[in-house]
Amino acid sequence: MFRTLLKATAMILLGTLSLSAQNSTSAATSVPRLVNYSGKAIDAQSKPLSGTIGITFAIYNDQESGAALWMETQNVTADAKGNYTAHLGATKPDGLGLDLFSPVEARWLGVSVNGAPEQPRVLLLSVPYALKAADAETIGGLPPSAFLRADATASLKAPAKSDSSSRSGQTKQSPQANPNVTGKGTVSFVPVWDSASDIVNSSIFQKNSNVGIGTTTPAATLDVNGKGDIRDTLTLFPKGTDPTLAVNGTAFKVDSTGKVTFVSGQTFPGKGTVTSVAMSVPTADFTVSGSPITKSGTLGLSWNVAPTSANTPNAIVKRDGNGNFSSAVIQTGGLQASSVFVNSSVPNSVAVTGQVTATGTGQSIGVAGTVADSGYGVSGFNSSNGWGVYGESVGQDGVHGLSHSVASGVAGVNDGDRGTGVFGSAPKGWAFTSNGNTYQDRSAGGWVKAMLFVSGFTGKIATCFNSTLGGAAATTPPCGFGVDKTGTGDYILDLGFEVDDRFYSATGNDRLGILSVCTSFIAVCNNTTTANQVEVVNWDSTNQKFSDSKFYLVVY
């Protein structure tokens, strides 16, 4: 897609107008029907286009909509910076038509480069409208002298005498309209200046005798669609002249301090008259005095048991300054809180219990913890002989943890000198099950850190497992490992993490020789190795030579 950087420059190539009474066509031919236009062509990356470029010019009556009043396509030549000049109307036999421009309507120029979508239209300056002057100097193509009355010929031969009195009695002409004013309006909209020389529609719309602000369908003399702010006194006058309908000539008044004044005799909707006010409250909570009040009086309200944040029987719960309160037991059909802390000092008790007795389809959860940021969904702590978190299930999971980030779904941490972070026991099942890769810190033991099956003939890894990687990368060759075949039967394997302090073993996949393995820790390798590398050598003792072989390498 190409764009055209339009410049409102050099839009004048019009000659001087002249009028000849002897030649009726001289007025039309004295004005060149061409408009000079200079522009710059650039592509979608704002780089200039050079050479021969096809550009379509179109003139419109509106800035954005409407069909083209005139159109032509020219091949122009652009320089290295994309600058070009074109003569609008050059491809037309008569150039730009005399009826194309109007003294009361604006014209907009649209430009399209090499068939790309048309760019935003540019307002034509006032000079091109001089084309209309060529038509104004003639009447149907004839000079004004062709239409003089025959009996006026003699009067043309002698100059008329000056009459100062008649000149002084001439009507003073109205000032000319500002030629720099632009813009357009819509019927029924009140115009507004949006700049020193441009007029646009305002938000005020008039339909018949109704005026609307923010609406084009006013339903009253003044219809305001939107918020109204009155920063001083608002006064509503009654309709009519009956003085009994108003107080000081007003029916309703709100002064600048917010005081409301109604018309004299104002009544409110509803039936009956209020002559007494009484209060009734639960006697277990309050005592009331002074009730009812029949014209004037005071209602007294006293607590039987004042609200408190402490665990006090028969007291209405009142939160303390931190928003907390104490309670022995809370029974509710549902509890939702941003933070819950439960502490029990009763031996052999449970701090948090989640029990679901619902039946039917769907999944029910006894206790669920969700964390949107950092922290723990469910955290259990036990300082003696017990469980921090205990889950029991006869159907699905006793404890189920789900994580949608890099955090742990279920985390078990033991920072003592003995014990287990996570313990699994299943005499008839699986104590530990994983449907994904298993990761263990490099410095810890118990699980395999890496497994490789290498083809010594090609020097490539066929299958592998890397405990330091996650997802498919852990089992997708080369699994983050590297193989350097230094010679026949001699291979350097770089595992990407320190292995010289780990246990490892190599097993051949054929009977072509005897495998030997070493690292920098042994310091007797044939080639120099780093702490992350293992050297595997295959020696054919029968033929007394090194030979290539397929082999397995396991690092614990």
Protein backbone atom coordinates (compact mmCIF):
# COMPACT_ATOMS: atom_id res chain seq x y z
CA MET A 1 0.00 0.00 0.00
CA PHE A 2 1.30 3.43 -0.84
CA ARG A 3 0.57 6.74 0.71
CA THR A 4 0.92 10.23 -0.62
CA LEU A 5 2.28 12.97 1.55
CA LEU A 6 0.21 15.87 0.34
CA LYS A 7 1.60 19.35 0.58
CA ALA A 8 -0.63 22.37 0.26
CA THR A 9 1.99 24.15 -1.86
CA ALA A 10 2.26 25.76 -5.27
CA MET A 11 -1.34 25.28 -6.36
CA ILE A 12 -1.35 28.21 -8.79
CA LEU A 13 -0.85 28.00 -12.55
CA LEU A 14 -3.57 30.44 -13.61
CA GLY A 15 -2.93 33.31 -15.97
CA THR A 16 -4.14 36.88 -15.85
CA LEU A 17 -7.76 37.37 -16.91
CA SER A 18 -8.47 39.71 -19.79
CA LEU A 19 -11.55 40.80 -21.71
CA SER A 20 -11.80 41.69 -25.39
CA ALA A 21 -14.94 43.16 -26.97
CA GLN A 22 -13.74 42.31 -30.50
CA ASN A 23 -13.18 38.55 -29.85
CA SER A 24 -15.93 36.74 -27.90
CA THR A 25 -13.70 33.73 -27.15
CA SER A 26 -10.61 35.59 -25.91
CA ALA A 27 -11.92 35.75 -22.31
CA ALA A 28 -12.26 32.02 -22.12
CA THR A 29 -8.87 31.26 -23.69
CA SER A 30 -6.98 33.82 -21.62
CA VAL A 31 -7.31 31.67 -18.49
CA PRO A 32 -5.37 28.37 -18.60
CA ARG A 33 -7.69 25.63 -17.38
CA LEU A 34 -4.89 23.90 -15.52
CA VAL A 35 -3.94 23.85 -11.84
CA ASN A 36 -0.34 23.25 -10.82
CA TYR A 37 0.00 20.69 -7.98
CA SER A 38 3.17 19.51 -6.22
CA GLY A 39 3.28 16.43 -4.00
CA LYS A 40 5.50 13.75 -2.57
CA ALA A 41 4.97 9.99 -3.06
CA ILE A 42 6.08 7.54 -0.35
CA ASP A 43 5.37 3.85 0.26
CA ALA A 44 3.90 2.11 3.32
CA GLN A 45 7.30 2.30 5.08
CA SER A 46 7.47 6.08 4.45
CA LYS A 47 10.20 5.58 1.84
CA PRO A 48 10.05 7.89 -1.20
CA LEU A 49 9.05 6.48 -4.61
CA SER A 50 10.94 7.61 -7.70
CA GLY A 51 10.60 7.27 -11.43
CA THR A 52 7.31 7.04 -13.35
CA ILE A 53 4.30 6.75 -11.05
CA GLY A 54 0.57 6.53 -11.91
CA ILE A 55 -1.46 9.01 -9.84
CA THR A 56 -5.23 9.50 -9.91
CA PHE A 57 -6.55 12.96 -9.00
CA ALA A 58 -10.19 13.53 -8.04
CA ILE A 59 -12.08 16.68 -6.96
CA TYR A 60 -14.96 16.40 -4.49
CA ASN A 61 -17.63 18.64 -3.00
CA ASP A 62 -17.14 17.11 0.50
CA GLN A 63 -14.10 16.38 2.63
CA GLU A 64 -14.89 12.70 3.31
CA SER A 65 -18.03 11.49 1.47
CA GLY A 66 -19.73 12.01 -1.88
CA ALA A 67 -18.91 11.05 -5.47
CA ALA A 68 -16.10 12.68 -7.41
CA LEU A 69 -17.05 15.76 -9.45
CA TRP A 70 -14.01 15.36 -11.69
CA MET A 71 -11.26 12.73 -12.08
CA GLU A 72 -8.19 12.00 -14.18
CA THR A 73 -5.10 9.74 -14.06
CA GLN A 74 -1.62 10.95 -14.99
CA ASN A 75 1.84 9.40 -15.17
CA VAL A 76 4.21 11.71 -13.33
CA THR A 77 7.97 11.57 -12.79
CA ALA A 78 9.18 11.68 -9.19
CA ASP A 79 12.74 12.51 -8.17
CA ALA A 80 14.89 10.54 -5.70
CA LYS A 81 13.02 12.15 -2.77
CA GLY A 82 9.59 11.33 -4.21
CA ASN A 83 8.78 14.94 -5.21
CA TYR A 84 6.67 15.41 -8.34
CA THR A 85 4.62 18.13 -10.07
CA ALA A 86 1.42 17.63 -12.08
CA HIS A 87 -0.89 19.91 -14.05
CA LEU A 88 -4.47 19.05 -13.07
CA GLY A 89 -6.57 18.90 -16.23
CA ALA A 90 -3.64 18.14 -18.52
CA THR A 91 -5.22 14.90 -19.82
CA LYS A 92 -8.57 16.57 -20.64
CA PRO A 93 -9.15 18.36 -23.98
CA ASP A 94 -10.63 21.41 -22.23
CA GLY A 95 -8.65 21.11 -18.97
CA LEU A 96 -10.68 21.80 -15.85
CA GLY A 97 -14.31 22.64 -16.64
CA LEU A 98 -15.51 26.19 -15.95
CA ASP A 99 -18.49 24.85 -14.02
CA LEU A 100 -16.32 22.75 -11.67
CA PHE A 101 -15.64 25.55 -9.16
CA SER A 102 -18.24 27.59 -7.31
CA PRO A 103 -17.73 30.84 -5.38
CA VAL A 104 -19.91 29.55 -2.53
CA GLU A 105 -18.76 25.95 -2.18
CA ALA A 106 -15.43 24.42 -1.15
CA ARG A 107 -13.62 21.83 -3.29
CA TRP A 108 -11.44 18.97 -1.97
CA LEU A 109 -8.67 17.14 -3.82
CA GLY A 110 -8.11 13.40 -3.36
CA VAL A 111 -4.93 11.61 -4.51
CA SER A 112 -4.31 7.88 -5.09
CA VAL A 113 -0.81 6.54 -5.90
CA ASN A 114 -0.39 3.43 -8.10
CA GLY A 115 -3.96 2.30 -7.48
CA ALA A 116 -3.64 2.40 -3.65
CA PRO A 117 -6.60 3.60 -1.54
CA GLU A 118 -7.21 7.32 -1.75
CA GLN A 119 -5.47 9.37 0.94
CA PRO A 120 -7.23 12.04 3.08
CA ARG A 121 -8.54 14.83 0.90
CA VAL A 122 -6.91 18.26 0.84
CA LEU A 123 -8.83 21.55 0.69
CA LEU A 124 -8.13 23.48 -2.50
CA LEU A 125 -7.04 27.05 -1.93
CA SER A 126 -8.94 30.03 -3.29
CA VAL A 127 -6.81 30.58 -6.43
CA PRO A 128 -8.26 27.69 -8.51
CA TYR A 129 -11.70 29.29 -8.20
CA ALA A 130 -10.43 32.02 -10.51
CA LEU A 131 -11.32 29.58 -13.30
CA LYS A 132 -14.91 30.67 -12.77
CA ALA A 133 -13.86 34.23 -13.62
CA ALA A 134 -13.35 33.23 -17.25
CA ASP A 135 -17.01 32.36 -17.48
CA ALA A 136 -18.08 35.46 -15.51
CA GLU A 137 -16.45 37.78 -18.11
CA THR A 138 -18.72 36.50 -20.86
CA ILE A 139 -22.46 36.13 -21.27
CA GLY A 140 -23.06 32.88 -23.08
CA GLY A 141 -19.59 33.23 -24.58
CA LEU A 142 -20.23 36.80 -25.85
CA PRO A 143 -18.71 40.02 -24.49
CA PRO A 144 -20.98 42.42 -22.56
CA SER A 145 -20.95 44.94 -25.48
CA ALA A 146 -22.91 42.50 -27.60
CA PHE A 147 -25.91 43.03 -25.31
CA LEU A 148 -26.01 46.93 -25.20
CA ARG A 149 -29.26 48.62 -26.28
CA ALA A 150 -29.16 50.18 -29.69
CA ASP A 151 -30.27 53.64 -28.46
CA ALA A 152 -27.42 53.67 -25.96
CA THR A 153 -24.74 53.72 -28.65
CA ALA A 154 -24.66 57.47 -28.83
CA SER A 155 -24.26 57.91 -25.16
CA LEU A 156 -21.14 55.83 -25.27
CA LYS A 157 -19.46 58.28 -27.63
CA ALA A 158 -19.36 61.15 -25.13
CA PRO A 159 -18.28 60.85 -21.53
CA ALA A 160 -20.96 61.48 -18.92
CA LYS A 161 -20.66 64.50 -16.67
CA SER A 162 -19.71 64.00 -13.09
CA ASP A 163 -22.58 64.34 -10.64
CA SER A 164 -21.26 64.59 -7.11
CA SER A 165 -24.73 64.83 -5.67
CA SER A 166 -25.85 61.58 -7.24
CA ARG A 167 -22.72 59.85 -6.00
CA SER A 168 -23.34 61.05 -2.48
CA GLY A 169 -26.85 59.63 -2.61
CA GLN A 170 -25.73 56.18 -3.63
CA THR A 171 -26.50 53.34 -1.21
CA LYS A 172 -23.47 52.18 0.73
CA GLN A 173 -22.55 48.62 -0.23
CA SER A 174 -22.29 45.85 2.39
CA PRO A 175 -18.76 44.81 3.31
CA GLN A 176 -17.38 41.86 1.44
CA ALA A 177 -17.48 38.42 3.14
CA ASN A 178 -14.24 37.23 4.64
CA PRO A 179 -12.63 35.19 1.82
CA ASN A 180 -10.61 33.17 4.35
CA VAL A 181 -13.69 31.70 6.08
CA THR A 182 -14.07 27.98 5.40
CA GLY A 183 -16.30 25.17 6.61
CA LYS A 184 -19.80 23.95 5.95
CA GLY A 185 -22.98 23.68 7.94
CA THR A 186 -25.95 21.36 8.35
CA VAL A 187 -29.53 22.53 8.22
CA SER A 188 -31.08 23.30 11.66
CA PHE A 189 -27.70 23.28 13.49
CA VAL A 190 -26.43 26.49 15.09
CA PRO A 191 -22.90 27.15 13.73
CA VAL A 192 -19.85 27.75 15.89
CA TRP A 193 -16.30 28.98 15.14
CA ASP A 194 -13.79 26.19 15.80
CA SER A 195 -10.90 28.37 14.63
CA ALA A 196 -10.37 31.95 13.48
CA SER A 197 -11.46 31.09 9.93
CA ASP A 198 -13.52 27.91 10.09
CA ILE A 199 -17.18 27.32 10.95
CA VAL A 200 -18.61 23.93 12.00
CA ASN A 201 -21.81 22.63 13.58
CA SER A 202 -22.34 23.24 17.28
CA SER A 203 -24.22 20.97 19.71
CA ILE A 204 -27.34 23.20 19.48
CA PHE A 205 -30.11 22.01 17.14
CA GLN A 206 -33.42 23.80 16.41
CA LYS A 207 -36.53 22.08 15.08
CA ASN A 208 -39.48 24.41 14.58
CA SER A 209 -39.79 26.26 17.91
CA ASN A 210 -37.96 23.60 19.96
CA VAL A 211 -34.25 23.83 20.70
CA GLY A 212 -32.20 20.76 21.57
CA ILE A 213 -28.75 20.57 23.15
CA GLY A 214 -27.13 17.20 22.53
CA THR A 215 -30.23 15.93 20.65
CA THR A 216 -31.70 16.40 17.17
CA THR A 217 -35.23 15.48 18.31
CA PRO A 218 -36.11 18.13 20.94
CA ALA A 219 -39.45 17.33 22.59
CA ALA A 220 -39.84 20.68 24.38
CA THR A 221 -38.97 24.34 23.92
CA LEU A 222 -35.60 23.47 25.50
CA ASP A 223 -34.53 19.82 25.52
CA VAL A 224 -31.09 19.04 27.04
CA ASN A 225 -29.71 15.54 26.57
CA GLY A 226 -26.87 15.20 29.06
CA LYS A 227 -25.69 16.36 32.45
CA GLY A 228 -26.44 19.90 33.58
CA ASP A 229 -24.51 21.83 36.23
CA ILE A 230 -25.98 25.04 37.70
CA ARG A 231 -23.48 26.91 39.82
CA ASP A 232 -25.82 29.56 41.12
CA THR A 233 -29.52 30.00 42.00
CA LEU A 234 -32.04 27.95 40.00
CA THR A 235 -35.49 29.58 39.81
CA LEU A 236 -38.60 28.12 38.12
CA PHE A 237 -41.39 30.60 37.39
CA PRO A 238 -45.04 29.45 37.35
CA LYS A 239 -46.98 29.36 34.12
CA GLY A 240 -49.59 32.12 34.20
CA THR A 241 -49.98 35.31 36.17
CA ASP A 242 -51.97 34.13 39.23
CA PRO A 243 -50.03 35.59 42.23
CA THR A 244 -51.37 32.86 44.54
CA LEU A 245 -49.35 30.26 42.66
CA ALA A 246 -45.96 31.65 43.60
CA VAL A 247 -43.88 32.96 46.44
CA ASN A 248 -42.18 36.18 45.39
CA GLY A 249 -42.97 35.32 41.79
CA THR A 250 -41.38 31.84 41.84
CA ALA A 251 -42.92 28.36 41.95
CA PHE A 252 -39.72 26.48 42.94
CA LYS A 253 -36.31 27.73 43.93
CA VAL A 254 -32.94 26.22 44.86
CA ASP A 255 -30.44 28.85 45.92
CA SER A 256 -26.65 28.62 45.61
CA THR A 257 -26.39 27.11 49.12
CA GLY A 258 -28.82 24.29 48.35
CA LYS A 259 -31.82 25.72 50.22
CA VAL A 260 -35.13 24.68 48.58
CA THR A 261 -38.21 26.94 48.51
CA PHE A 262 -41.60 25.58 47.41
CA VAL A 263 -44.70 27.44 46.30
CA SER A 264 -47.07 28.39 49.11
CA GLY A 265 -49.54 25.59 49.91
CA GLN A 266 -47.30 22.89 48.47
CA THR A 267 -48.52 19.33 49.22
CA PHE A 268 -46.85 16.02 48.47
CA PRO A 269 -48.33 12.89 46.85
CA GLY A 270 -50.12 10.39 49.08
CA LYS A 271 -53.03 10.33 51.52
CA GLY A 272 -53.22 11.14 55.21
CA THR A 273 -51.49 13.53 57.60
CA VAL A 274 -48.53 12.64 59.80
CA THR A 275 -49.26 13.63 63.42
CA SER A 276 -47.16 11.12 65.36
CA VAL A 277 -43.85 9.24 65.03
CA ALA A 278 -42.99 6.13 67.02
CA MET A 279 -40.09 3.65 67.10
CA SER A 280 -40.17 -0.09 67.69
CA VAL A 281 -37.00 -2.13 68.14
CA PRO A 282 -36.10 -5.65 69.33
CA THR A 283 -36.25 -5.57 73.12
CA ALA A 284 -33.36 -7.99 73.33
CA ASP A 285 -31.07 -5.36 71.79
CA PHE A 286 -32.47 -1.93 72.72
CA THR A 287 -34.65 0.02 75.09
CA VAL A 288 -36.61 2.97 73.70
CA SER A 289 -37.81 6.05 75.56
CA GLY A 290 -39.95 8.99 74.42
CA SER A 291 -41.95 7.01 71.88
CA PRO A 292 -44.29 8.04 70.32
CA ILE A 293 -43.61 11.69 69.48
CA THR A 294 -46.82 13.59 68.75
CA LYS A 295 -45.68 17.11 67.90
CA SER A 296 -42.27 17.51 69.41
CA GLY A 297 -40.02 15.41 71.58
CA THR A 298 -36.92 13.21 71.66
CA LEU A 299 -36.55 9.49 71.03
CA GLY A 300 -34.10 7.73 73.34
CA LEU A 301 -32.33 4.56 72.21
CA SER A 302 -30.10 2.50 74.53
CA TRP A 303 -28.25 -0.77 74.00
CA ASN A 304 -28.97 -3.71 76.24
CA VAL A 305 -25.68 -5.27 75.14
CA ALA A 306 -23.42 -2.87 73.34
CA PRO A 307 -21.80 -3.99 70.06
CA THR A 308 -18.28 -5.29 70.49
CA SER A 309 -15.51 -6.93 68.45
CA ALA A 310 -14.91 -9.45 71.24
CA ASN A 311 -16.51 -12.88 71.46
CA THR A 312 -19.38 -11.72 73.71
CA PRO A 313 -22.70 -13.63 73.85
CA ASN A 314 -25.82 -11.72 72.71
CA ALA A 315 -23.72 -8.81 71.45
CA ILE A 316 -24.05 -7.41 67.96
CA VAL A 317 -20.75 -7.87 66.15
CA LYS A 318 -18.72 -4.70 65.78
CA ARG A 319 -15.42 -4.65 63.93
CA ASP A 320 -12.45 -3.02 65.60
CA GLY A 321 -10.24 -0.30 64.15
CA ASN A 322 -8.53 -2.87 61.89
CA GLY A 323 -11.78 -4.39 60.68
CA ASN A 324 -11.43 -7.54 62.83
CA PHE A 325 -13.71 -9.29 65.30
CA SER A 326 -13.63 -12.52 67.33
CA SER A 327 -16.15 -15.34 67.19
CA ALA A 328 -16.33 -18.88 68.54
CA VAL A 329 -18.36 -20.50 65.74
CA ILE A 330 -19.65 -19.05 62.49
CA GLN A 331 -22.20 -21.12 60.63
CA THR A 332 -23.01 -20.00 57.12
CA GLY A 333 -24.11 -21.46 53.85
CA GLY A 334 -21.23 -19.76 52.06
CA LEU A 335 -18.10 -17.87 53.01
CA GLN A 336 -16.05 -15.68 50.72
CA ALA A 337 -13.11 -13.71 52.06
CA SER A 338 -9.92 -12.20 50.73
CA SER A 339 -8.03 -13.55 53.75
CA VAL A 340 -8.93 -16.21 56.33
CA PHE A 341 -6.82 -17.10 59.40
CA VAL A 342 -8.02 -19.78 61.81
CA ASN A 343 -6.25 -20.62 65.06
CA SER A 344 -7.41 -23.37 67.39
CA SER A 345 -5.98 -23.95 70.88
CA VAL A 346 -8.15 -26.97 71.63
CA PRO A 347 -6.22 -30.30 71.61
CA ASN A 348 -7.13 -32.85 68.93
CA SER A 349 -9.14 -30.24 67.03
CA VAL A 350 -9.17 -29.19 63.40
CA ALA A 351 -8.42 -25.58 62.56
CA VAL A 352 -10.12 -25.63 59.14
CA THR A 353 -12.62 -28.24 58.00
CA GLY A 354 -14.17 -28.45 54.56
CA GLN A 355 -17.02 -30.89 54.05
CA VAL A 356 -19.31 -31.29 51.07
CA THR A 357 -22.45 -33.47 51.22
CA ALA A 358 -23.87 -32.53 47.84
CA THR A 359 -24.91 -35.32 45.49
CA GLY A 360 -25.36 -35.50 41.74
CA THR A 361 -23.16 -34.48 38.85
CA GLY A 362 -20.51 -31.79 39.03
CA GLN A 363 -17.44 -31.27 41.15
CA SER A 364 -17.61 -30.21 44.80
CA ILE A 365 -14.68 -28.98 46.88
CA GLY A 366 -14.38 -29.14 50.63
CA VAL A 367 -11.69 -26.45 50.87
CA ALA A 368 -10.41 -24.46 47.88
CA GLY A 369 -7.68 -21.86 47.90
CA THR A 370 -6.99 -19.50 45.00
CA VAL A 371 -4.17 -16.97 44.70
CA ALA A 372 -4.11 -14.46 41.84
CA ASP A 373 -0.59 -13.19 42.60
CA SER A 374 2.17 -14.53 44.85
CA GLY A 375 1.41 -16.56 47.99
CA TYR A 376 -0.41 -19.78 48.82
CA GLY A 377 -3.87 -20.94 47.86
CA VAL A 378 -3.93 -23.21 50.93
CA SER A 379 -1.20 -23.18 53.57
CA GLY A 380 -1.00 -25.61 56.47
CA PHE A 381 1.45 -25.42 59.36
CA ASN A 382 1.99 -27.96 62.13
CA SER A 383 4.60 -27.50 64.84
CA SER A 384 4.18 -30.90 66.51
CA ASN A 385 3.12 -34.38 65.52
CA GLY A 386 0.39 -33.99 62.92
CA TRP A 387 -0.41 -32.67 59.46
CA GLY A 388 -0.13 -29.14 58.15
CA VAL A 389 -2.65 -29.98 55.43
CA TYR A 390 -4.71 -33.15 55.51
CA GLY A 391 -6.93 -34.31 52.69
CA GLU A 392 -9.06 -37.44 52.58
CA SER A 393 -11.17 -38.64 49.69
CA VAL A 394 -13.05 -41.79 48.78
CA GLY A 395 -13.46 -40.67 45.18
CA GLN A 396 -11.06 -38.21 43.62
CA ASP A 397 -8.06 -36.40 45.14
CA GLY A 398 -7.55 -36.05 48.86
CA VAL A 399 -5.49 -32.92 48.17
CA HIS A 400 -5.68 -31.30 44.74
CA GLY A 401 -3.47 -28.37 43.75
CA LEU A 402 -3.77 -26.48 40.47
CA SER A 403 -1.40 -23.77 39.26
CA HIS A 404 -1.75 -21.60 36.14
CA SER A 405 1.71 -20.06 36.37
CA VAL A 406 5.29 -21.06 37.19
CA ALA A 407 4.31 -21.66 40.83
CA SER A 408 3.54 -25.05 42.39
CA GLY A 409 0.12 -26.64 42.39
CA VAL A 410 0.98 -28.46 45.62
CA ALA A 411 4.19 -27.67 47.53
CA GLY A 412 5.62 -29.68 50.40
CA VAL A 413 8.50 -28.14 52.35
CA ASN A 414 10.42 -29.68 55.26
CA ASP A 415 13.20 -27.46 56.61
CA GLY A 416 14.16 -29.79 59.49
CA ASP A 417 17.09 -32.18 59.61
CA ARG A 418 14.83 -35.14 58.85
CA GLY A 419 11.37 -35.81 57.53
CA THR A 420 9.65 -35.55 54.17
CA GLY A 421 8.41 -32.57 52.21
CA VAL A 422 5.81 -34.64 50.34
CA PHE A 423 5.03 -38.23 51.35
CA GLY A 424 3.10 -40.68 49.23
CA SER A 425 1.89 -44.09 50.32
CA ALA A 426 -0.20 -46.46 48.23
CA PRO A 427 0.13 -50.21 49.05
CA LYS A 428 -2.15 -51.11 46.14
CA GLY A 429 -1.56 -48.16 43.84
CA TRP A 430 0.99 -45.56 42.91
CA ALA A 431 2.67 -43.62 45.71
CA PHE A 432 3.75 -41.02 43.18
CA THR A 433 2.32 -40.43 39.70
CA SER A 434 3.28 -37.80 37.13
CA ASN A 435 1.95 -37.26 33.63
CA GLY A 436 4.76 -34.80 32.89
CA ASN A 437 8.51 -34.50 33.28
CA THR A 438 10.09 -34.76 36.71
CA TYR A 439 12.59 -32.18 37.87
CA GLN A 440 15.16 -32.46 40.64
CA ASP A 441 17.86 -30.03 41.68
CA ARG A 442 21.22 -30.96 40.16
CA SER A 443 22.90 -31.24 43.55
CA ALA A 444 20.28 -33.64 44.95
CA GLY A 445 20.13 -37.39 44.54
CA GLY A 446 17.47 -39.99 44.00
CA TRP A 447 16.29 -39.26 40.46
CA VAL A 448 17.96 -39.44 37.06
CA LYS A 449 19.24 -36.06 35.88
CA ALA A 450 19.87 -36.94 32.25
CA MET A 451 19.56 -39.88 29.83
CA LEU A 452 20.95 -39.98 26.28
CA PHE A 453 20.97 -42.53 23.47
CA VAL A 454 23.77 -41.57 21.05
CA SER A 455 24.61 -42.92 17.63
CA GLY A 456 28.39 -42.93 17.51
CA PHE A 457 28.33 -43.47 13.77
CA THR A 458 26.54 -40.16 13.05
CA GLY A 459 27.55 -38.32 16.21
CA LYS A 460 23.93 -37.32 16.90
CA ILE A 461 21.52 -37.79 19.82
CA ALA A 462 18.61 -40.06 18.89
CA THR A 463 16.55 -39.89 22.10
CA CYS A 464 17.12 -38.09 25.39
CA PHE A 465 15.76 -36.70 28.67
CA ASN A 466 16.92 -33.56 30.49
CA SER A 467 15.57 -33.03 34.00
CA THR A 468 16.51 -29.34 33.94
CA LEU A 469 14.11 -28.53 31.09
CA GLY A 470 10.33 -28.39 31.14
CA GLY A 471 7.66 -29.41 28.65
CA ALA A 472 8.46 -30.92 25.29
CA ALA A 473 12.01 -29.49 25.33
CA ALA A 474 12.99 -32.05 27.99
CA THR A 475 12.46 -34.98 25.60
CA THR A 476 12.95 -33.40 22.18
CA PRO A 477 16.46 -34.17 20.78
CA PRO A 478 18.98 -32.84 21.47
CA CYS A 479 17.25 -31.90 24.79
CA GLY A 480 19.70 -29.08 25.39
CA PHE A 481 22.73 -31.43 25.12
CA GLY A 482 25.66 -31.23 22.72
CA VAL A 483 27.81 -33.95 21.10
CA ASP A 484 31.31 -33.44 19.68
CA LYS A 485 32.77 -36.43 17.88
CA THR A 486 36.50 -35.80 18.20
CA GLY A 487 37.50 -38.99 16.36
CA THR A 488 36.54 -42.59 15.73
CA GLY A 489 34.99 -43.98 18.90
CA ASP A 490 35.70 -40.79 20.90
CA TYR A 491 32.85 -38.44 21.91
CA ILE A 492 32.59 -35.35 24.11
CA LEU A 493 29.04 -34.82 25.48
CA ASP A 494 28.16 -31.41 26.98
CA LEU A 495 25.10 -31.67 29.26
CA GLY A 496 24.78 -27.95 30.01
CA PHE A 497 25.06 -28.37 33.80
CA GLU A 498 27.79 -29.66 36.13
CA VAL A 499 28.19 -33.43 36.01
CA ASP A 500 31.76 -34.06 37.20
CA ASP A 501 30.48 -34.48 40.77
CA ARG A 502 27.61 -36.82 39.81
CA PHE A 503 27.33 -40.58 39.19
CA TYR A 504 27.16 -41.62 35.55
CA SER A 505 27.36 -44.72 33.44
CA ALA A 506 27.59 -45.65 29.77
CA THR A 507 26.23 -48.83 28.18
CA GLY A 508 26.93 -49.98 24.61
CA ASN A 509 24.12 -50.96 22.28
CA ASP A 510 26.28 -53.46 20.36
CA ARG A 511 29.35 -55.66 20.99
CA LEU A 512 31.86 -53.70 19.01
CA GLY A 513 34.02 -52.71 21.93
CA ILE A 514 34.39 -51.66 25.54
CA LEU A 515 33.08 -48.25 26.68
CA SER A 516 34.95 -46.07 29.12
CA VAL A 517 33.64 -42.83 30.64
CA CYS A 518 35.45 -39.99 32.33
CA THR A 519 35.00 -36.37 33.40
CA SER A 520 37.30 -33.56 34.47
CA PHE A 521 37.03 -34.89 38.02
CA ILE A 522 39.00 -38.00 37.02
CA ALA A 523 41.43 -35.94 34.97
CA VAL A 524 42.56 -38.87 32.79
CA CYS A 525 40.33 -38.16 29.77
CA ASN A 526 41.82 -38.32 26.29
CA ASN A 527 40.56 -34.80 25.59
CA THR A 528 40.18 -31.76 27.82
CA THR A 529 36.70 -31.61 29.37
CA THR A 530 34.89 -29.01 31.45
CA ALA A 531 32.79 -29.61 34.55
CA ASN A 532 29.69 -29.86 32.30
CA GLN A 533 31.18 -32.48 29.94
CA VAL A 534 31.53 -36.27 29.84
CA GLU A 535 33.93 -38.12 27.49
CA VAL A 536 32.86 -41.56 26.21
CA VAL A 537 35.47 -43.76 24.46
CA ASN A 538 34.78 -47.09 22.71
CA TRP A 539 37.80 -49.45 22.38
CA ASP A 540 37.64 -52.53 20.16
CA SER A 541 39.90 -54.93 22.12
CA THR A 542 39.63 -57.63 19.46
CA ASN A 543 41.00 -55.50 16.68
CA GLN A 544 42.96 -53.26 19.05
CA LYS A 545 41.51 -49.97 17.77
CA PHE A 546 38.91 -47.33 18.50
CA SER A 547 35.56 -47.98 16.85
CA ASP A 548 32.23 -46.20 16.60
CA SER A 549 29.31 -47.58 18.57
CA LYS A 550 25.78 -46.72 19.71
CA PHE A 551 25.58 -46.22 23.45
CA TYR A 552 23.43 -45.03 26.39
CA LEU A 553 24.64 -42.43 28.89
CA VAL A 554 22.84 -41.97 32.24
CA VAL A 555 23.67 -39.26 34.80
CA TYR A 556 22.28 -39.59 38.38
